[in-house]
PDBML (XML) file of the C-alpha atoms, coordinates in Angstrom:
<?xml version="1.0" encoding="UTF-8" ?>
<PDBx:datablock datablockName="MODEL"
   xmlns:PDBx="http://pdbml.pdb.org/schema/pdbx-v50.xsd"
   xmlns:xsi="http://www.w3.org/2001/XMLSchema-instance"
   xsi:schemaLocation="http://pdbml.pdb.org/schema/pdbx-v50.xsd pdbx-v50.xsd">
   <PDBx:atom_siteCategory>
      <PDBx:atom_site id="1">
         <PDBx:B_iso_or_equiv>0.00</PDBx:B_iso_or_equiv>
         <PDBx:Cartn_x>-145.983</PDBx:Cartn_x>
         <PDBx:Cartn_y>-22.115</PDBx:Cartn_y>
         <PDBx:Cartn_z>164.666</PDBx:Cartn_z>
         <PDBx:auth_asym_id>A</PDBx:auth_asym_id>
         <PDBx:auth_atom_id>CA</PDBx:auth_atom_id>
         <PDBx:auth_comp_id>ASN</PDBx:auth_comp_id>
         <PDBx:auth_seq_id>1</PDBx:auth_seq_id>
         <PDBx:group_PDB>ATOM</PDBx:group_PDB>
         <PDBx:label_alt_id xsi:nil="true" />
         <PDBx:label_asym_id>A</PDBx:label_asym_id>
         <PDBx:label_atom_id>CA</PDBx:label_atom_id>
         <PDBx:label_comp_id>ASN</PDBx:label_comp_id>
         <PDBx:label_entity_id>1</PDBx:label_entity_id>
         <PDBx:label_seq_id>1</PDBx:label_seq_id>
         <PDBx:occupancy>1.00</PDBx:occupancy>
         <PDBx:pdbx_PDB_model_num>1</PDBx:pdbx_PDB_model_num>
         <PDBx:type_symbol>C</PDBx:type_symbol>
      </PDBx:atom_site>
      <PDBx:atom_site id="2">
         <PDBx:B_iso_or_equiv>0.00</PDBx:B_iso_or_equiv>
         <PDBx:Cartn_x>-145.008</PDBx:Cartn_x>
         <PDBx:Cartn_y>-18.724</PDBx:Cartn_y>
         <PDBx:Cartn_z>166.149</PDBx:Cartn_z>
         <PDBx:auth_asym_id>A</PDBx:auth_asym_id>
         <PDBx:auth_atom_id>CA</PDBx:auth_atom_id>
         <PDBx:auth_comp_id>THR</PDBx:auth_comp_id>
         <PDBx:auth_seq_id>2</PDBx:auth_seq_id>
         <PDBx:group_PDB>ATOM</PDBx:group_PDB>
         <PDBx:label_alt_id xsi:nil="true" />
         <PDBx:label_asym_id>A</PDBx:label_asym_id>
         <PDBx:label_atom_id>CA</PDBx:label_atom_id>
         <PDBx:label_comp_id>THR</PDBx:label_comp_id>
         <PDBx:label_entity_id>1</PDBx:label_entity_id>
         <PDBx:label_seq_id>2</PDBx:label_seq_id>
         <PDBx:occupancy>1.00</PDBx:occupancy>
         <PDBx:pdbx_PDB_model_num>1</PDBx:pdbx_PDB_model_num>
         <PDBx:type_symbol>C</PDBx:type_symbol>
      </PDBx:atom_site>
      <PDBx:atom_site id="3">
         <PDBx:B_iso_or_equiv>0.00</PDBx:B_iso_or_equiv>
         <PDBx:Cartn_x>-141.803</PDBx:Cartn_x>
         <PDBx:Cartn_y>-18.802</PDBx:Cartn_y>
         <PDBx:Cartn_z>164.125</PDBx:Cartn_z>
         <PDBx:auth_asym_id>A</PDBx:auth_asym_id>
         <PDBx:auth_atom_id>CA</PDBx:auth_atom_id>
         <PDBx:auth_comp_id>ASP</PDBx:auth_comp_id>
         <PDBx:auth_seq_id>3</PDBx:auth_seq_id>
         <PDBx:group_PDB>ATOM</PDBx:group_PDB>
         <PDBx:label_alt_id xsi:nil="true" />
         <PDBx:label_asym_id>A</PDBx:label_asym_id>
         <PDBx:label_atom_id>CA</PDBx:label_atom_id>
         <PDBx:label_comp_id>ASP</PDBx:label_comp_id>
         <PDBx:label_entity_id>1</PDBx:label_entity_id>
         <PDBx:label_seq_id>3</PDBx:label_seq_id>
         <PDBx:occupancy>1.00</PDBx:occupancy>
         <PDBx:pdbx_PDB_model_num>1</PDBx:pdbx_PDB_model_num>
         <PDBx:type_symbol>C</PDBx:type_symbol>
      </PDBx:atom_site>
      <PDBx:atom_site id="4">
         <PDBx:B_iso_or_equiv>0.00</PDBx:B_iso_or_equiv>
         <PDBx:Cartn_x>-143.446</PDBx:Cartn_x>
         <PDBx:Cartn_y>-19.345</PDBx:Cartn_y>
         <PDBx:Cartn_z>160.760</PDBx:Cartn_z>
         <PDBx:auth_asym_id>A</PDBx:auth_asym_id>
         <PDBx:auth_atom_id>CA</PDBx:auth_atom_id>
         <PDBx:auth_comp_id>ARG</PDBx:auth_comp_id>
         <PDBx:auth_seq_id>4</PDBx:auth_seq_id>
         <PDBx:group_PDB>ATOM</PDBx:group_PDB>
         <PDBx:label_alt_id xsi:nil="true" />
         <PDBx:label_asym_id>A</PDBx:label_asym_id>
         <PDBx:label_atom_id>CA</PDBx:label_atom_id>
         <PDBx:label_comp_id>ARG</PDBx:label_comp_id>
         <PDBx:label_entity_id>1</PDBx:label_entity_id>
         <PDBx:label_seq_id>4</PDBx:label_seq_id>
         <PDBx:occupancy>1.00</PDBx:occupancy>
         <PDBx:pdbx_PDB_model_num>1</PDBx:pdbx_PDB_model_num>
         <PDBx:type_symbol>C</PDBx:type_symbol>
      </PDBx:atom_site>
      <PDBx:atom_site id="5">
         <PDBx:B_iso_or_equiv>0.00</PDBx:B_iso_or_equiv>
         <PDBx:Cartn_x>-144.037</PDBx:Cartn_x>
         <PDBx:Cartn_y>-15.762</PDBx:Cartn_y>
         <PDBx:Cartn_z>159.706</PDBx:Cartn_z>
         <PDBx:auth_asym_id>A</PDBx:auth_asym_id>
         <PDBx:auth_atom_id>CA</PDBx:auth_atom_id>
         <PDBx:auth_comp_id>SER</PDBx:auth_comp_id>
         <PDBx:auth_seq_id>5</PDBx:auth_seq_id>
         <PDBx:group_PDB>ATOM</PDBx:group_PDB>
         <PDBx:label_alt_id xsi:nil="true" />
         <PDBx:label_asym_id>A</PDBx:label_asym_id>
         <PDBx:label_atom_id>CA</PDBx:label_atom_id>
         <PDBx:label_comp_id>SER</PDBx:label_comp_id>
         <PDBx:label_entity_id>1</PDBx:label_entity_id>
         <PDBx:label_seq_id>5</PDBx:label_seq_id>
         <PDBx:occupancy>1.00</PDBx:occupancy>
         <PDBx:pdbx_PDB_model_num>1</PDBx:pdbx_PDB_model_num>
         <PDBx:type_symbol>C</PDBx:type_symbol>
      </PDBx:atom_site>
      <PDBx:atom_site id="6">
         <PDBx:B_iso_or_equiv>0.00</PDBx:B_iso_or_equiv>
         <PDBx:Cartn_x>-140.288</PDBx:Cartn_x>
         <PDBx:Cartn_y>-15.162</PDBx:Cartn_y>
         <PDBx:Cartn_z>159.927</PDBx:Cartn_z>
         <PDBx:auth_asym_id>A</PDBx:auth_asym_id>
         <PDBx:auth_atom_id>CA</PDBx:auth_atom_id>
         <PDBx:auth_comp_id>LYS</PDBx:auth_comp_id>
         <PDBx:auth_seq_id>6</PDBx:auth_seq_id>
         <PDBx:group_PDB>ATOM</PDBx:group_PDB>
         <PDBx:label_alt_id xsi:nil="true" />
         <PDBx:label_asym_id>A</PDBx:label_asym_id>
         <PDBx:label_atom_id>CA</PDBx:label_atom_id>
         <PDBx:label_comp_id>LYS</PDBx:label_comp_id>
         <PDBx:label_entity_id>1</PDBx:label_entity_id>
         <PDBx:label_seq_id>6</PDBx:label_seq_id>
         <PDBx:occupancy>1.00</PDBx:occupancy>
         <PDBx:pdbx_PDB_model_num>1</PDBx:pdbx_PDB_model_num>
         <PDBx:type_symbol>C</PDBx:type_symbol>
      </PDBx:atom_site>
      <PDBx:atom_site id="7">
         <PDBx:B_iso_or_equiv>0.00</PDBx:B_iso_or_equiv>
         <PDBx:Cartn_x>-139.295</PDBx:Cartn_x>
         <PDBx:Cartn_y>-18.290</PDBx:Cartn_y>
         <PDBx:Cartn_z>158.010</PDBx:Cartn_z>
         <PDBx:auth_asym_id>A</PDBx:auth_asym_id>
         <PDBx:auth_atom_id>CA</PDBx:auth_atom_id>
         <PDBx:auth_comp_id>GLN</PDBx:auth_comp_id>
         <PDBx:auth_seq_id>7</PDBx:auth_seq_id>
         <PDBx:group_PDB>ATOM</PDBx:group_PDB>
         <PDBx:label_alt_id xsi:nil="true" />
         <PDBx:label_asym_id>A</PDBx:label_asym_id>
         <PDBx:label_atom_id>CA</PDBx:label_atom_id>
         <PDBx:label_comp_id>GLN</PDBx:label_comp_id>
         <PDBx:label_entity_id>1</PDBx:label_entity_id>
         <PDBx:label_seq_id>7</PDBx:label_seq_id>
         <PDBx:occupancy>1.00</PDBx:occupancy>
         <PDBx:pdbx_PDB_model_num>1</PDBx:pdbx_PDB_model_num>
         <PDBx:type_symbol>C</PDBx:type_symbol>
      </PDBx:atom_site>
      <PDBx:atom_site id="8">
         <PDBx:B_iso_or_equiv>0.00</PDBx:B_iso_or_equiv>
         <PDBx:Cartn_x>-138.628</PDBx:Cartn_x>
         <PDBx:Cartn_y>-17.743</PDBx:Cartn_y>
         <PDBx:Cartn_z>154.298</PDBx:Cartn_z>
         <PDBx:auth_asym_id>A</PDBx:auth_asym_id>
         <PDBx:auth_atom_id>CA</PDBx:auth_atom_id>
         <PDBx:auth_comp_id>SER</PDBx:auth_comp_id>
         <PDBx:auth_seq_id>8</PDBx:auth_seq_id>
         <PDBx:group_PDB>ATOM</PDBx:group_PDB>
         <PDBx:label_alt_id xsi:nil="true" />
         <PDBx:label_asym_id>A</PDBx:label_asym_id>
         <PDBx:label_atom_id>CA</PDBx:label_atom_id>
         <PDBx:label_comp_id>SER</PDBx:label_comp_id>
         <PDBx:label_entity_id>1</PDBx:label_entity_id>
         <PDBx:label_seq_id>8</PDBx:label_seq_id>
         <PDBx:occupancy>1.00</PDBx:occupancy>
         <PDBx:pdbx_PDB_model_num>1</PDBx:pdbx_PDB_model_num>
         <PDBx:type_symbol>C</PDBx:type_symbol>
      </PDBx:atom_site>
      <PDBx:atom_site id="9">
         <PDBx:B_iso_or_equiv>0.00</PDBx:B_iso_or_equiv>
         <PDBx:Cartn_x>-138.501</PDBx:Cartn_x>
         <PDBx:Cartn_y>-20.556</PDBx:Cartn_y>
         <PDBx:Cartn_z>151.761</PDBx:Cartn_z>
         <PDBx:auth_asym_id>A</PDBx:auth_asym_id>
         <PDBx:auth_atom_id>CA</PDBx:auth_atom_id>
         <PDBx:auth_comp_id>ILE</PDBx:auth_comp_id>
         <PDBx:auth_seq_id>9</PDBx:auth_seq_id>
         <PDBx:group_PDB>ATOM</PDBx:group_PDB>
         <PDBx:label_alt_id xsi:nil="true" />
         <PDBx:label_asym_id>A</PDBx:label_asym_id>
         <PDBx:label_atom_id>CA</PDBx:label_atom_id>
         <PDBx:label_comp_id>ILE</PDBx:label_comp_id>
         <PDBx:label_entity_id>1</PDBx:label_entity_id>
         <PDBx:label_seq_id>9</PDBx:label_seq_id>
         <PDBx:occupancy>1.00</PDBx:occupancy>
         <PDBx:pdbx_PDB_model_num>1</PDBx:pdbx_PDB_model_num>
         <PDBx:type_symbol>C</PDBx:type_symbol>
      </PDBx:atom_site>
      <PDBx:atom_site id="10">
         <PDBx:B_iso_or_equiv>0.00</PDBx:B_iso_or_equiv>
         <PDBx:Cartn_x>-136.564</PDBx:Cartn_x>
         <PDBx:Cartn_y>-20.611</PDBx:Cartn_y>
         <PDBx:Cartn_z>148.492</PDBx:Cartn_z>
         <PDBx:auth_asym_id>A</PDBx:auth_asym_id>
         <PDBx:auth_atom_id>CA</PDBx:auth_atom_id>
         <PDBx:auth_comp_id>VAL</PDBx:auth_comp_id>
         <PDBx:auth_seq_id>10</PDBx:auth_seq_id>
         <PDBx:group_PDB>ATOM</PDBx:group_PDB>
         <PDBx:label_alt_id xsi:nil="true" />
         <PDBx:label_asym_id>A</PDBx:label_asym_id>
         <PDBx:label_atom_id>CA</PDBx:label_atom_id>
         <PDBx:label_comp_id>VAL</PDBx:label_comp_id>
         <PDBx:label_entity_id>1</PDBx:label_entity_id>
         <PDBx:label_seq_id>10</PDBx:label_seq_id>
         <PDBx:occupancy>1.00</PDBx:occupancy>
         <PDBx:pdbx_PDB_model_num>1</PDBx:pdbx_PDB_model_num>
         <PDBx:type_symbol>C</PDBx:type_symbol>
      </PDBx:atom_site>
      <PDBx:atom_site id="11">
         <PDBx:B_iso_or_equiv>0.00</PDBx:B_iso_or_equiv>
         <PDBx:Cartn_x>-137.398</PDBx:Cartn_x>
         <PDBx:Cartn_y>-23.295</PDBx:Cartn_y>
         <PDBx:Cartn_z>145.949</PDBx:Cartn_z>
         <PDBx:auth_asym_id>A</PDBx:auth_asym_id>
         <PDBx:auth_atom_id>CA</PDBx:auth_atom_id>
         <PDBx:auth_comp_id>ILE</PDBx:auth_comp_id>
         <PDBx:auth_seq_id>11</PDBx:auth_seq_id>
         <PDBx:group_PDB>ATOM</PDBx:group_PDB>
         <PDBx:label_alt_id xsi:nil="true" />
         <PDBx:label_asym_id>A</PDBx:label_asym_id>
         <PDBx:label_atom_id>CA</PDBx:label_atom_id>
         <PDBx:label_comp_id>ILE</PDBx:label_comp_id>
         <PDBx:label_entity_id>1</PDBx:label_entity_id>
         <PDBx:label_seq_id>11</PDBx:label_seq_id>
         <PDBx:occupancy>1.00</PDBx:occupancy>
         <PDBx:pdbx_PDB_model_num>1</PDBx:pdbx_PDB_model_num>
         <PDBx:type_symbol>C</PDBx:type_symbol>
      </PDBx:atom_site>
      <PDBx:atom_site id="12">
         <PDBx:B_iso_or_equiv>0.00</PDBx:B_iso_or_equiv>
         <PDBx:Cartn_x>-135.196</PDBx:Cartn_x>
         <PDBx:Cartn_y>-24.078</PDBx:Cartn_y>
         <PDBx:Cartn_z>142.950</PDBx:Cartn_z>
         <PDBx:auth_asym_id>A</PDBx:auth_asym_id>
         <PDBx:auth_atom_id>CA</PDBx:auth_atom_id>
         <PDBx:auth_comp_id>LEU</PDBx:auth_comp_id>
         <PDBx:auth_seq_id>12</PDBx:auth_seq_id>
         <PDBx:group_PDB>ATOM</PDBx:group_PDB>
         <PDBx:label_alt_id xsi:nil="true" />
         <PDBx:label_asym_id>A</PDBx:label_asym_id>
         <PDBx:label_atom_id>CA</PDBx:label_atom_id>
         <PDBx:label_comp_id>LEU</PDBx:label_comp_id>
         <PDBx:label_entity_id>1</PDBx:label_entity_id>
         <PDBx:label_seq_id>12</PDBx:label_seq_id>
         <PDBx:occupancy>1.00</PDBx:occupancy>
         <PDBx:pdbx_PDB_model_num>1</PDBx:pdbx_PDB_model_num>
         <PDBx:type_symbol>C</PDBx:type_symbol>
      </PDBx:atom_site>
      <PDBx:atom_site id="13">
         <PDBx:B_iso_or_equiv>0.00</PDBx:B_iso_or_equiv>
         <PDBx:Cartn_x>-137.008</PDBx:Cartn_x>
         <PDBx:Cartn_y>-25.945</PDBx:Cartn_y>
         <PDBx:Cartn_z>140.192</PDBx:Cartn_z>
         <PDBx:auth_asym_id>A</PDBx:auth_asym_id>
         <PDBx:auth_atom_id>CA</PDBx:auth_atom_id>
         <PDBx:auth_comp_id>THR</PDBx:auth_comp_id>
         <PDBx:auth_seq_id>13</PDBx:auth_seq_id>
         <PDBx:group_PDB>ATOM</PDBx:group_PDB>
         <PDBx:label_alt_id xsi:nil="true" />
         <PDBx:label_asym_id>A</PDBx:label_asym_id>
         <PDBx:label_atom_id>CA</PDBx:label_atom_id>
         <PDBx:label_comp_id>THR</PDBx:label_comp_id>
         <PDBx:label_entity_id>1</PDBx:label_entity_id>
         <PDBx:label_seq_id>13</PDBx:label_seq_id>
         <PDBx:occupancy>1.00</PDBx:occupancy>
         <PDBx:pdbx_PDB_model_num>1</PDBx:pdbx_PDB_model_num>
         <PDBx:type_symbol>C</PDBx:type_symbol>
      </PDBx:atom_site>
      <PDBx:atom_site id="14">
         <PDBx:B_iso_or_equiv>0.00</PDBx:B_iso_or_equiv>
         <PDBx:Cartn_x>-135.653</PDBx:Cartn_x>
         <PDBx:Cartn_y>-27.577</PDBx:Cartn_y>
         <PDBx:Cartn_z>137.057</PDBx:Cartn_z>
         <PDBx:auth_asym_id>A</PDBx:auth_asym_id>
         <PDBx:auth_atom_id>CA</PDBx:auth_atom_id>
         <PDBx:auth_comp_id>GLY</PDBx:auth_comp_id>
         <PDBx:auth_seq_id>14</PDBx:auth_seq_id>
         <PDBx:group_PDB>ATOM</PDBx:group_PDB>
         <PDBx:label_alt_id xsi:nil="true" />
         <PDBx:label_asym_id>A</PDBx:label_asym_id>
         <PDBx:label_atom_id>CA</PDBx:label_atom_id>
         <PDBx:label_comp_id>GLY</PDBx:label_comp_id>
         <PDBx:label_entity_id>1</PDBx:label_entity_id>
         <PDBx:label_seq_id>14</PDBx:label_seq_id>
         <PDBx:occupancy>1.00</PDBx:occupancy>
         <PDBx:pdbx_PDB_model_num>1</PDBx:pdbx_PDB_model_num>
         <PDBx:type_symbol>C</PDBx:type_symbol>
      </PDBx:atom_site>
      <PDBx:atom_site id="15">
         <PDBx:B_iso_or_equiv>0.00</PDBx:B_iso_or_equiv>
         <PDBx:Cartn_x>-136.916</PDBx:Cartn_x>
         <PDBx:Cartn_y>-29.502</PDBx:Cartn_y>
         <PDBx:Cartn_z>134.066</PDBx:Cartn_z>
         <PDBx:auth_asym_id>A</PDBx:auth_asym_id>
         <PDBx:auth_atom_id>CA</PDBx:auth_atom_id>
         <PDBx:auth_comp_id>ALA</PDBx:auth_comp_id>
         <PDBx:auth_seq_id>15</PDBx:auth_seq_id>
         <PDBx:group_PDB>ATOM</PDBx:group_PDB>
         <PDBx:label_alt_id xsi:nil="true" />
         <PDBx:label_asym_id>A</PDBx:label_asym_id>
         <PDBx:label_atom_id>CA</PDBx:label_atom_id>
         <PDBx:label_comp_id>ALA</PDBx:label_comp_id>
         <PDBx:label_entity_id>1</PDBx:label_entity_id>
         <PDBx:label_seq_id>15</PDBx:label_seq_id>
         <PDBx:occupancy>1.00</PDBx:occupancy>
         <PDBx:pdbx_PDB_model_num>1</PDBx:pdbx_PDB_model_num>
         <PDBx:type_symbol>C</PDBx:type_symbol>
      </PDBx:atom_site>
      <PDBx:atom_site id="16">
         <PDBx:B_iso_or_equiv>0.00</PDBx:B_iso_or_equiv>
         <PDBx:Cartn_x>-137.867</PDBx:Cartn_x>
         <PDBx:Cartn_y>-32.512</PDBx:Cartn_y>
         <PDBx:Cartn_z>136.192</PDBx:Cartn_z>
         <PDBx:auth_asym_id>A</PDBx:auth_asym_id>
         <PDBx:auth_atom_id>CA</PDBx:auth_atom_id>
         <PDBx:auth_comp_id>GLY</PDBx:auth_comp_id>
         <PDBx:auth_seq_id>16</PDBx:auth_seq_id>
         <PDBx:group_PDB>ATOM</PDBx:group_PDB>
         <PDBx:label_alt_id xsi:nil="true" />
         <PDBx:label_asym_id>A</PDBx:label_asym_id>
         <PDBx:label_atom_id>CA</PDBx:label_atom_id>
         <PDBx:label_comp_id>GLY</PDBx:label_comp_id>
         <PDBx:label_entity_id>1</PDBx:label_entity_id>
         <PDBx:label_seq_id>16</PDBx:label_seq_id>
         <PDBx:occupancy>1.00</PDBx:occupancy>
         <PDBx:pdbx_PDB_model_num>1</PDBx:pdbx_PDB_model_num>
         <PDBx:type_symbol>C</PDBx:type_symbol>
      </PDBx:atom_site>
      <PDBx:atom_site id="17">
         <PDBx:B_iso_or_equiv>0.00</PDBx:B_iso_or_equiv>
         <PDBx:Cartn_x>-140.940</PDBx:Cartn_x>
         <PDBx:Cartn_y>-30.798</PDBx:Cartn_y>
         <PDBx:Cartn_z>137.628</PDBx:Cartn_z>
         <PDBx:auth_asym_id>A</PDBx:auth_asym_id>
         <PDBx:auth_atom_id>CA</PDBx:auth_atom_id>
         <PDBx:auth_comp_id>ILE</PDBx:auth_comp_id>
         <PDBx:auth_seq_id>17</PDBx:auth_seq_id>
         <PDBx:group_PDB>ATOM</PDBx:group_PDB>
         <PDBx:label_alt_id xsi:nil="true" />
         <PDBx:label_asym_id>A</PDBx:label_asym_id>
         <PDBx:label_atom_id>CA</PDBx:label_atom_id>
         <PDBx:label_comp_id>ILE</PDBx:label_comp_id>
         <PDBx:label_entity_id>1</PDBx:label_entity_id>
         <PDBx:label_seq_id>17</PDBx:label_seq_id>
         <PDBx:occupancy>1.00</PDBx:occupancy>
         <PDBx:pdbx_PDB_model_num>1</PDBx:pdbx_PDB_model_num>
         <PDBx:type_symbol>C</PDBx:type_symbol>
      </PDBx:atom_site>
      <PDBx:atom_site id="18">
         <PDBx:B_iso_or_equiv>0.00</PDBx:B_iso_or_equiv>
         <PDBx:Cartn_x>-142.304</PDBx:Cartn_x>
         <PDBx:Cartn_y>-29.990</PDBx:Cartn_y>
         <PDBx:Cartn_z>134.153</PDBx:Cartn_z>
         <PDBx:auth_asym_id>A</PDBx:auth_asym_id>
         <PDBx:auth_atom_id>CA</PDBx:auth_atom_id>
         <PDBx:auth_comp_id>SER</PDBx:auth_comp_id>
         <PDBx:auth_seq_id>18</PDBx:auth_seq_id>
         <PDBx:group_PDB>ATOM</PDBx:group_PDB>
         <PDBx:label_alt_id xsi:nil="true" />
         <PDBx:label_asym_id>A</PDBx:label_asym_id>
         <PDBx:label_atom_id>CA</PDBx:label_atom_id>
         <PDBx:label_comp_id>SER</PDBx:label_comp_id>
         <PDBx:label_entity_id>1</PDBx:label_entity_id>
         <PDBx:label_seq_id>18</PDBx:label_seq_id>
         <PDBx:occupancy>1.00</PDBx:occupancy>
         <PDBx:pdbx_PDB_model_num>1</PDBx:pdbx_PDB_model_num>
         <PDBx:type_symbol>C</PDBx:type_symbol>
      </PDBx:atom_site>
      <PDBx:atom_site id="19">
         <PDBx:B_iso_or_equiv>0.00</PDBx:B_iso_or_equiv>
         <PDBx:Cartn_x>-141.519</PDBx:Cartn_x>
         <PDBx:Cartn_y>-33.375</PDBx:Cartn_y>
         <PDBx:Cartn_z>132.601</PDBx:Cartn_z>
         <PDBx:auth_asym_id>A</PDBx:auth_asym_id>
         <PDBx:auth_atom_id>CA</PDBx:auth_atom_id>
         <PDBx:auth_comp_id>LYS</PDBx:auth_comp_id>
         <PDBx:auth_seq_id>19</PDBx:auth_seq_id>
         <PDBx:group_PDB>ATOM</PDBx:group_PDB>
         <PDBx:label_alt_id xsi:nil="true" />
         <PDBx:label_asym_id>A</PDBx:label_asym_id>
         <PDBx:label_atom_id>CA</PDBx:label_atom_id>
         <PDBx:label_comp_id>LYS</PDBx:label_comp_id>
         <PDBx:label_entity_id>1</PDBx:label_entity_id>
         <PDBx:label_seq_id>19</PDBx:label_seq_id>
         <PDBx:occupancy>1.00</PDBx:occupancy>
         <PDBx:pdbx_PDB_model_num>1</PDBx:pdbx_PDB_model_num>
         <PDBx:type_symbol>C</PDBx:type_symbol>
      </PDBx:atom_site>
      <PDBx:atom_site id="20">
         <PDBx:B_iso_or_equiv>0.00</PDBx:B_iso_or_equiv>
         <PDBx:Cartn_x>-144.659</PDBx:Cartn_x>
         <PDBx:Cartn_y>-34.897</PDBx:Cartn_y>
         <PDBx:Cartn_z>134.086</PDBx:Cartn_z>
         <PDBx:auth_asym_id>A</PDBx:auth_asym_id>
         <PDBx:auth_atom_id>CA</PDBx:auth_atom_id>
         <PDBx:auth_comp_id>GLU</PDBx:auth_comp_id>
         <PDBx:auth_seq_id>20</PDBx:auth_seq_id>
         <PDBx:group_PDB>ATOM</PDBx:group_PDB>
         <PDBx:label_alt_id xsi:nil="true" />
         <PDBx:label_asym_id>A</PDBx:label_asym_id>
         <PDBx:label_atom_id>CA</PDBx:label_atom_id>
         <PDBx:label_comp_id>GLU</PDBx:label_comp_id>
         <PDBx:label_entity_id>1</PDBx:label_entity_id>
         <PDBx:label_seq_id>20</PDBx:label_seq_id>
         <PDBx:occupancy>1.00</PDBx:occupancy>
         <PDBx:pdbx_PDB_model_num>1</PDBx:pdbx_PDB_model_num>
         <PDBx:type_symbol>C</PDBx:type_symbol>
      </PDBx:atom_site>
      <PDBx:atom_site id="21">
         <PDBx:B_iso_or_equiv>0.00</PDBx:B_iso_or_equiv>
         <PDBx:Cartn_x>-146.669</PDBx:Cartn_x>
         <PDBx:Cartn_y>-32.175</PDBx:Cartn_y>
         <PDBx:Cartn_z>132.342</PDBx:Cartn_z>
         <PDBx:auth_asym_id>A</PDBx:auth_asym_id>
         <PDBx:auth_atom_id>CA</PDBx:auth_atom_id>
         <PDBx:auth_comp_id>SER</PDBx:auth_comp_id>
         <PDBx:auth_seq_id>21</PDBx:auth_seq_id>
         <PDBx:group_PDB>ATOM</PDBx:group_PDB>
         <PDBx:label_alt_id xsi:nil="true" />
         <PDBx:label_asym_id>A</PDBx:label_asym_id>
         <PDBx:label_atom_id>CA</PDBx:label_atom_id>
         <PDBx:label_comp_id>SER</PDBx:label_comp_id>
         <PDBx:label_entity_id>1</PDBx:label_entity_id>
         <PDBx:label_seq_id>21</PDBx:label_seq_id>
         <PDBx:occupancy>1.00</PDBx:occupancy>
         <PDBx:pdbx_PDB_model_num>1</PDBx:pdbx_PDB_model_num>
         <PDBx:type_symbol>C</PDBx:type_symbol>
      </PDBx:atom_site>
      <PDBx:atom_site id="22">
         <PDBx:B_iso_or_equiv>0.00</PDBx:B_iso_or_equiv>
         <PDBx:Cartn_x>-145.355</PDBx:Cartn_x>
         <PDBx:Cartn_y>-33.451</PDBx:Cartn_y>
         <PDBx:Cartn_z>129.009</PDBx:Cartn_z>
         <PDBx:auth_asym_id>A</PDBx:auth_asym_id>
         <PDBx:auth_atom_id>CA</PDBx:auth_atom_id>
         <PDBx:auth_comp_id>GLY</PDBx:auth_comp_id>
         <PDBx:auth_seq_id>22</PDBx:auth_seq_id>
         <PDBx:group_PDB>ATOM</PDBx:group_PDB>
         <PDBx:label_alt_id xsi:nil="true" />
         <PDBx:label_asym_id>A</PDBx:label_asym_id>
         <PDBx:label_atom_id>CA</PDBx:label_atom_id>
         <PDBx:label_comp_id>GLY</PDBx:label_comp_id>
         <PDBx:label_entity_id>1</PDBx:label_entity_id>
         <PDBx:label_seq_id>22</PDBx:label_seq_id>
         <PDBx:occupancy>1.00</PDBx:occupancy>
         <PDBx:pdbx_PDB_model_num>1</PDBx:pdbx_PDB_model_num>
         <PDBx:type_symbol>C</PDBx:type_symbol>
      </PDBx:atom_site>
      <PDBx:atom_site id="23">
         <PDBx:B_iso_or_equiv>0.00</PDBx:B_iso_or_equiv>
         <PDBx:Cartn_x>-142.481</PDBx:Cartn_x>
         <PDBx:Cartn_y>-31.032</PDBx:Cartn_y>
         <PDBx:Cartn_z>128.390</PDBx:Cartn_z>
         <PDBx:auth_asym_id>A</PDBx:auth_asym_id>
         <PDBx:auth_atom_id>CA</PDBx:auth_atom_id>
         <PDBx:auth_comp_id>LEU</PDBx:auth_comp_id>
         <PDBx:auth_seq_id>23</PDBx:auth_seq_id>
         <PDBx:group_PDB>ATOM</PDBx:group_PDB>
         <PDBx:label_alt_id xsi:nil="true" />
         <PDBx:label_asym_id>A</PDBx:label_asym_id>
         <PDBx:label_atom_id>CA</PDBx:label_atom_id>
         <PDBx:label_comp_id>LEU</PDBx:label_comp_id>
         <PDBx:label_entity_id>1</PDBx:label_entity_id>
         <PDBx:label_seq_id>23</PDBx:label_seq_id>
         <PDBx:occupancy>1.00</PDBx:occupancy>
         <PDBx:pdbx_PDB_model_num>1</PDBx:pdbx_PDB_model_num>
         <PDBx:type_symbol>C</PDBx:type_symbol>
      </PDBx:atom_site>
      <PDBx:atom_site id="24">
         <PDBx:B_iso_or_equiv>0.00</PDBx:B_iso_or_equiv>
         <PDBx:Cartn_x>-139.138</PDBx:Cartn_x>
         <PDBx:Cartn_y>-32.425</PDBx:Cartn_y>
         <PDBx:Cartn_z>127.281</PDBx:Cartn_z>
         <PDBx:auth_asym_id>A</PDBx:auth_asym_id>
         <PDBx:auth_atom_id>CA</PDBx:auth_atom_id>
         <PDBx:auth_comp_id>ASP</PDBx:auth_comp_id>
         <PDBx:auth_seq_id>24</PDBx:auth_seq_id>
         <PDBx:group_PDB>ATOM</PDBx:group_PDB>
         <PDBx:label_alt_id xsi:nil="true" />
         <PDBx:label_asym_id>A</PDBx:label_asym_id>
         <PDBx:label_atom_id>CA</PDBx:label_atom_id>
         <PDBx:label_comp_id>ASP</PDBx:label_comp_id>
         <PDBx:label_entity_id>1</PDBx:label_entity_id>
         <PDBx:label_seq_id>24</PDBx:label_seq_id>
         <PDBx:occupancy>1.00</PDBx:occupancy>
         <PDBx:pdbx_PDB_model_num>1</PDBx:pdbx_PDB_model_num>
         <PDBx:type_symbol>C</PDBx:type_symbol>
      </PDBx:atom_site>
   </PDBx:atom_siteCategory>
</PDBx:datablock>
């Protein structure tokens, strides 16, 4: 847990995450 403030996260998202919201 002491390392967490120094750990950065990058997330790439594509069309698949919006498909379940009804977007083509």
